[in-house]
Structure formats: C-alpha cells, structure tokens
Amino acid sequence: MGEHLDRGELVLSAFKHDYTLEKYDLGTDAALSKSAAKFWTEAWRVGDVGHLCIMRMRAFFGLVRMETAIFAPTAIDAPLFNIDWMSAFKTEVQIAEFYNVQLQPWSKEFQAELESVSDRIADLPDMKRKPHWYDNLLYPCSCGKRGKGITSQLEAAARDYTVAYIAQLPLLPPCDKQQKAAKVRSFAEHLYADGGVAVQQITQLFGSETARRIVVQHMYGVEPTG
C-alpha cells in the first residue's frame, strides 16, 4: 500500500504552485480536542482570489479520520469548492462538491471539465445521502463515493478535481467583492444553521460559539460582524 494522499496537502500544494498564500492565526481554534476526538484547522488567504481552509479530524485511535479542503472565492466569479475524505474502519468516503455562489452562470464548457472527472469514477458505489437544503446549489459535476478497496480511484479523482478547478480560476471573470462576500456569507450562515452531521458534532463537542466561528469564519472566510 502506498503513502496516503492527504487531501488538505493536495489542495494546499496545488494553490501554492500558482498563488501566494498568507496563513491566518486561528488561535486556540487551530487545535481542539474532546472525547477522544481531535480537530485541526488551518486557513489561508489565497492571493487576491479567495479563502482556503483545511480541516482534519482523528477519533477512535485513528480508526476514524477526516480531511476537508474548502475554497471560497472572494474576487472571482467561481463556484465554491470542497473536497472531503473520510475513513472509518477501512471504509472510505470521498465527496467533491461545487456550489453555485456565483453572480453570473458558470459556463457549460467549464462545468464539462469537472463532469469528465466524475464520469471517470461513475462505476464506483455512490454514497447514500439524505436531501439537504443546498441540493439546488450543487452542480452536476459534484459526487460522493463510498466503499472499500477504491483508494487509488479516489486519490486520482481528488487530484483531477483539484487540478481542473484551480486551472479555471485565472480564466473566470472578476466580480464585485461585496456582492460575492454576501453570497458566501449566506451559504456559510445557512450551513451553520441547518448543517449536517459535521456541524452538529462540532457544536456538541465545543459549543455553539466555537462551532459558528469555525464553520462561518474559518471555513469560509466570512468576516465577523459586531
């Protein structure tokens, strides 16, 4: 078995190749631990184009692991991108999602580049999922896969999604920063208020104030108000 491909390092390295990154000081939020679960969070300003967050979690002595990379665009009219990888007792889950937080439509040509990646892993078993409030914001190139013995296919897809998405960024139009920030804020606030298992878990472990700061501010780069 080869060395594990850390999804956070994958995305971080890809951005470092083309952009200058400025790391934020997250204080005590950078490392949180409770009830045998440990969370690590890092965030960067990516050039003048967006906000990158990487989160990792370990529980049950490493038998349960999670890695998440989220890119929220701030000055270009790109979709919001996140890739999540989870491993629980040797079963892997990988979710790649692209959310419509744009001011103008994302071209069909650019969407097709990402859809070609999901097409290449179409034969892998889909992750079972319940309906979510953000389903109408998800682009068709998004996908979630779950299974055992699919490590190499998931890693290849993670690389391809990341490379294809970042390659598009210089080709997408600039946009009004305030309007874009409002779109991202609306998404982040909604995710915190109506989010899924991960948001609920962080809230239960560390309280609503810390959870809101992590989800809204650190994950999506939304500036605090008040």
Protein backbone atom coordinates (compact mmCIF):
# COMPACT_ATOMS: atom_id res chain seq x y z
CA MET A 1 0.00 0.00 0.00
CA GLY A 2 1.36 3.42 -0.97
CA GLU A 3 1.57 6.53 1.14
CA HIS A 4 -1.78 8.11 1.95
CA LEU A 5 -2.72 11.17 -0.12
CA ASP A 6 -3.68 13.86 2.37
CA ARG A 7 -6.49 15.83 0.72
CA GLY A 8 -5.58 19.02 2.53
CA GLU A 9 -1.95 18.84 1.46
CA LEU A 10 -3.04 18.04 -2.09
CA VAL A 11 -5.14 21.20 -2.39
CA LEU A 12 -2.68 23.37 -0.48
CA SER A 13 0.25 22.34 -2.69
CA ALA A 14 -1.78 22.95 -5.84
CA PHE A 15 -2.62 26.50 -4.76
CA LYS A 16 0.96 27.20 -3.67
CA HIS A 17 2.11 26.42 -7.19
CA ASP A 18 0.23 29.41 -8.64
CA TYR A 19 -0.59 31.75 -5.76
CA THR A 20 0.95 33.45 -2.75
CA LEU A 21 -0.66 32.17 0.45
CA GLU A 22 -0.93 34.07 3.72
CA LYS A 23 -1.70 31.87 6.71
CA TYR A 24 -4.11 33.14 9.35
CA ASP A 25 -3.57 32.80 13.08
CA LEU A 26 -6.62 30.91 14.36
CA GLY A 27 -5.50 30.92 17.99
CA THR A 28 -6.85 28.11 20.12
CA ASP A 29 -9.30 27.14 17.36
CA ALA A 30 -6.38 25.68 15.41
CA ALA A 31 -6.32 22.56 17.62
CA LEU A 32 -9.32 21.32 19.56
CA SER A 33 -9.71 18.06 21.45
CA LYS A 34 -12.52 16.44 23.40
CA SER A 35 -13.96 12.98 24.00
CA ALA A 36 -11.13 11.23 22.14
CA ALA A 37 -11.78 13.36 19.03
CA LYS A 38 -9.15 15.80 17.80
CA PHE A 39 -9.72 18.59 15.26
CA TRP A 40 -7.09 20.67 13.48
CA THR A 41 -7.99 23.73 11.41
CA GLU A 42 -5.80 25.90 9.16
CA ALA A 43 -6.79 28.81 6.92
CA TRP A 44 -5.06 30.92 4.28
CA ARG A 45 -5.70 33.93 2.13
CA VAL A 46 -5.03 32.77 -1.43
CA GLY A 47 -3.59 35.68 -3.39
CA ASP A 48 -6.39 38.10 -4.15
CA VAL A 49 -8.84 35.42 -5.24
CA GLY A 50 -10.13 33.52 -2.24
CA HIS A 51 -10.02 31.81 1.14
CA LEU A 52 -8.71 28.28 1.74
CA CYS A 53 -9.46 26.20 4.81
CA ILE A 54 -8.15 22.75 5.66
CA MET A 55 -9.59 20.68 8.49
CA ARG A 56 -8.56 17.31 9.84
CA MET A 57 -10.13 15.06 12.45
CA ARG A 58 -8.99 11.88 14.20
CA ALA A 59 -11.03 9.72 16.56
CA PHE A 60 -11.09 6.20 17.99
CA PHE A 61 -7.29 5.99 18.00
CA GLY A 62 -7.09 6.85 14.30
CA LEU A 63 -9.65 4.32 13.13
CA VAL A 64 -11.86 7.24 12.10
CA ARG A 65 -10.25 10.02 10.08
CA MET A 66 -11.45 13.02 8.11
CA GLU A 67 -9.74 15.53 5.81
CA THR A 68 -11.51 18.50 4.30
CA ALA A 69 -10.34 21.28 1.99
CA ILE A 70 -12.64 24.21 1.22
CA PHE A 71 -12.01 27.08 -1.19
CA ALA A 72 -14.33 30.08 -1.05
CA PRO A 73 -13.73 32.56 -3.89
CA THR A 74 -13.71 36.23 -2.91
CA ALA A 75 -12.84 38.23 -6.03
CA ILE A 76 -13.55 35.94 -8.98
CA ASP A 77 -16.90 34.55 -10.04
CA ALA A 78 -16.06 30.91 -9.34
CA PRO A 79 -18.15 28.25 -7.63
CA LEU A 80 -17.35 27.32 -4.07
CA PHE A 81 -15.34 24.07 -3.94
CA ASN A 82 -14.82 21.50 -1.24
CA ILE A 83 -13.38 18.03 -1.14
CA ASP A 84 -13.93 15.74 1.83
CA TRP A 85 -12.31 12.40 2.54
CA MET A 86 -13.30 10.15 5.42
CA SER A 87 -12.15 6.73 6.53
CA ALA A 88 -13.99 4.72 9.15
CA PHE A 89 -12.87 1.20 9.94
CA LYS A 90 -11.34 0.75 6.44
CA THR A 91 -14.36 2.10 4.55
CA GLU A 92 -13.58 5.25 2.57
CA VAL A 93 -15.87 8.11 1.59
CA GLN A 94 -14.93 10.94 -0.73
CA ILE A 95 -17.16 13.89 -1.54
CA ALA A 96 -16.30 16.54 -4.13
CA GLU A 97 -18.79 19.39 -4.31
CA PHE A 98 -19.14 22.57 -6.34
CA TYR A 99 -21.71 25.09 -5.13
CA ASN A 100 -23.37 27.84 -7.12
CA VAL A 101 -22.44 31.02 -5.25
CA GLN A 102 -21.86 32.91 -8.47
CA LEU A 103 -23.22 36.23 -9.68
CA GLN A 104 -23.23 35.02 -13.29
CA PRO A 105 -23.68 31.49 -14.74
CA TRP A 106 -20.74 29.11 -14.80
CA SER A 107 -20.09 28.18 -18.43
CA LYS A 108 -21.16 24.74 -19.63
CA GLU A 109 -17.67 24.25 -21.05
CA PHE A 110 -16.03 24.71 -17.66
CA GLN A 111 -18.63 22.51 -15.98
CA ALA A 112 -17.92 19.77 -18.52
CA GLU A 113 -14.25 19.72 -17.49
CA LEU A 114 -15.25 18.75 -13.96
CA GLU A 115 -18.02 16.41 -15.12
CA SER A 116 -15.40 14.41 -17.02
CA VAL A 117 -13.74 13.67 -13.67
CA SER A 118 -16.97 12.41 -12.10
CA ASP A 119 -17.61 10.34 -15.24
CA ARG A 120 -14.31 8.50 -14.73
CA ILE A 121 -15.44 7.20 -11.32
CA ALA A 122 -19.09 6.71 -12.21
CA ASP A 123 -18.77 2.96 -11.70
CA LEU A 124 -17.76 3.33 -8.04
CA PRO A 125 -20.57 2.89 -5.46
CA ASP A 126 -22.37 6.10 -4.61
CA MET A 127 -22.56 7.34 -1.07
CA LYS A 128 -26.07 7.21 0.32
CA ARG A 129 -27.23 10.68 1.27
CA LYS A 130 -30.31 12.40 2.57
CA PRO A 131 -31.75 15.55 0.96
CA HIS A 132 -30.06 18.78 2.05
CA TRP A 133 -31.03 22.43 1.84
CA TYR A 134 -28.12 23.12 -0.53
CA ASP A 135 -29.01 20.46 -3.12
CA ASN A 136 -30.30 23.09 -5.54
CA LEU A 137 -26.91 24.83 -5.37
CA LEU A 138 -24.88 21.72 -6.24
CA TYR A 139 -23.53 21.43 -9.76
CA PRO A 140 -23.93 18.05 -11.54
CA CYS A 141 -20.15 17.52 -11.54
CA SER A 142 -20.32 17.02 -7.76
CA CYS A 143 -20.24 13.46 -6.48
CA GLY A 144 -19.89 11.29 -3.40
CA LYS A 145 -18.43 7.77 -3.39
CA ARG A 146 -18.15 5.17 -0.66
CA GLY A 147 -16.54 1.75 -0.46
CA LYS A 148 -13.55 -0.45 0.32
CA GLY A 149 -10.61 -1.12 -1.95
CA ILE A 150 -11.15 2.05 -4.00
CA THR A 151 -8.26 4.10 -2.65
CA SER A 152 -6.39 4.60 -5.93
CA GLN A 153 -9.52 5.67 -7.83
CA LEU A 154 -10.49 8.17 -5.14
CA GLU A 155 -6.99 9.64 -4.98
CA ALA A 156 -6.85 10.04 -8.76
CA ALA A 157 -10.23 11.77 -8.75
CA ALA A 158 -9.15 14.10 -5.94
CA ARG A 159 -6.09 15.14 -7.94
CA ASP A 160 -8.06 15.61 -11.14
CA TYR A 161 -10.81 17.66 -9.50
CA THR A 162 -8.29 19.90 -7.78
CA VAL A 163 -6.11 20.48 -10.83
CA ALA A 164 -9.06 21.12 -13.17
CA TYR A 165 -10.75 23.54 -10.77
CA ILE A 166 -7.65 25.61 -9.98
CA ALA A 167 -6.73 25.78 -13.67
CA GLN A 168 -10.05 27.51 -14.34
CA LEU A 169 -9.62 30.28 -11.78
CA PRO A 170 -7.48 32.64 -13.91
CA LEU A 171 -9.99 32.23 -16.75
CA LEU A 172 -13.06 33.21 -14.74
CA PRO A 173 -14.21 36.84 -14.60
CA PRO A 174 -13.53 39.16 -11.67
CA CYS A 175 -16.58 40.19 -9.68
CA ASP A 176 -17.79 42.69 -7.14
CA LYS A 177 -16.18 41.70 -3.85
CA GLN A 178 -19.05 42.88 -1.67
CA GLN A 179 -21.66 41.02 -3.69
CA LYS A 180 -19.52 37.90 -3.72
CA ALA A 181 -18.94 38.14 0.03
CA ALA A 182 -22.70 38.38 0.58
CA LYS A 183 -23.23 35.19 -1.44
CA VAL A 184 -20.58 33.27 0.51
CA ARG A 185 -21.84 34.63 3.83
CA SER A 186 -25.38 33.50 3.04
CA PHE A 187 -24.12 30.00 2.25
CA ALA A 188 -21.91 29.78 5.35
CA GLU A 189 -24.59 31.09 7.70
CA HIS A 190 -27.13 28.69 6.28
CA LEU A 191 -24.70 25.78 6.60
CA TYR A 192 -24.11 26.61 10.24
CA ALA A 193 -27.82 26.98 10.99
CA ASP A 194 -29.00 23.92 9.05
CA GLY A 195 -25.81 21.93 8.54
CA GLY A 196 -25.30 18.23 8.71
CA VAL A 197 -23.52 15.77 10.94
CA ALA A 198 -20.12 17.50 10.98
CA VAL A 199 -21.56 20.84 12.10
CA GLN A 200 -23.68 19.14 14.74
CA GLN A 201 -20.68 17.19 16.02
CA ILE A 202 -18.51 20.29 16.39
CA THR A 203 -21.37 22.10 18.14
CA GLN A 204 -21.95 19.24 20.58
CA LEU A 205 -18.25 18.93 21.41
CA PHE A 206 -17.17 22.55 21.60
CA GLY A 207 -20.32 24.66 21.91
CA SER A 208 -22.26 26.86 19.52
CA GLU A 209 -19.97 29.91 19.72
CA THR A 210 -16.85 27.96 18.76
CA ALA A 211 -18.74 25.98 16.12
CA ARG A 212 -20.06 29.14 14.48
CA ARG A 213 -16.60 30.69 14.42
CA ILE A 214 -15.09 27.57 12.85
CA VAL A 215 -17.83 26.99 10.27
CA VAL A 216 -18.57 30.56 9.21
CA GLN A 217 -15.32 32.42 9.78
CA HIS A 218 -12.52 29.85 9.45
CA MET A 219 -14.05 27.52 6.87
CA TYR A 220 -15.45 30.17 4.55
CA GLY A 221 -13.52 33.30 5.41
CA VAL A 222 -16.59 35.29 6.40
CA GLU A 223 -15.59 38.35 8.38
CA PRO A 224 -17.13 38.52 11.87
CA THR A 225 -19.80 41.15 12.46
CA GLY A 226 -20.35 43.31 15.51
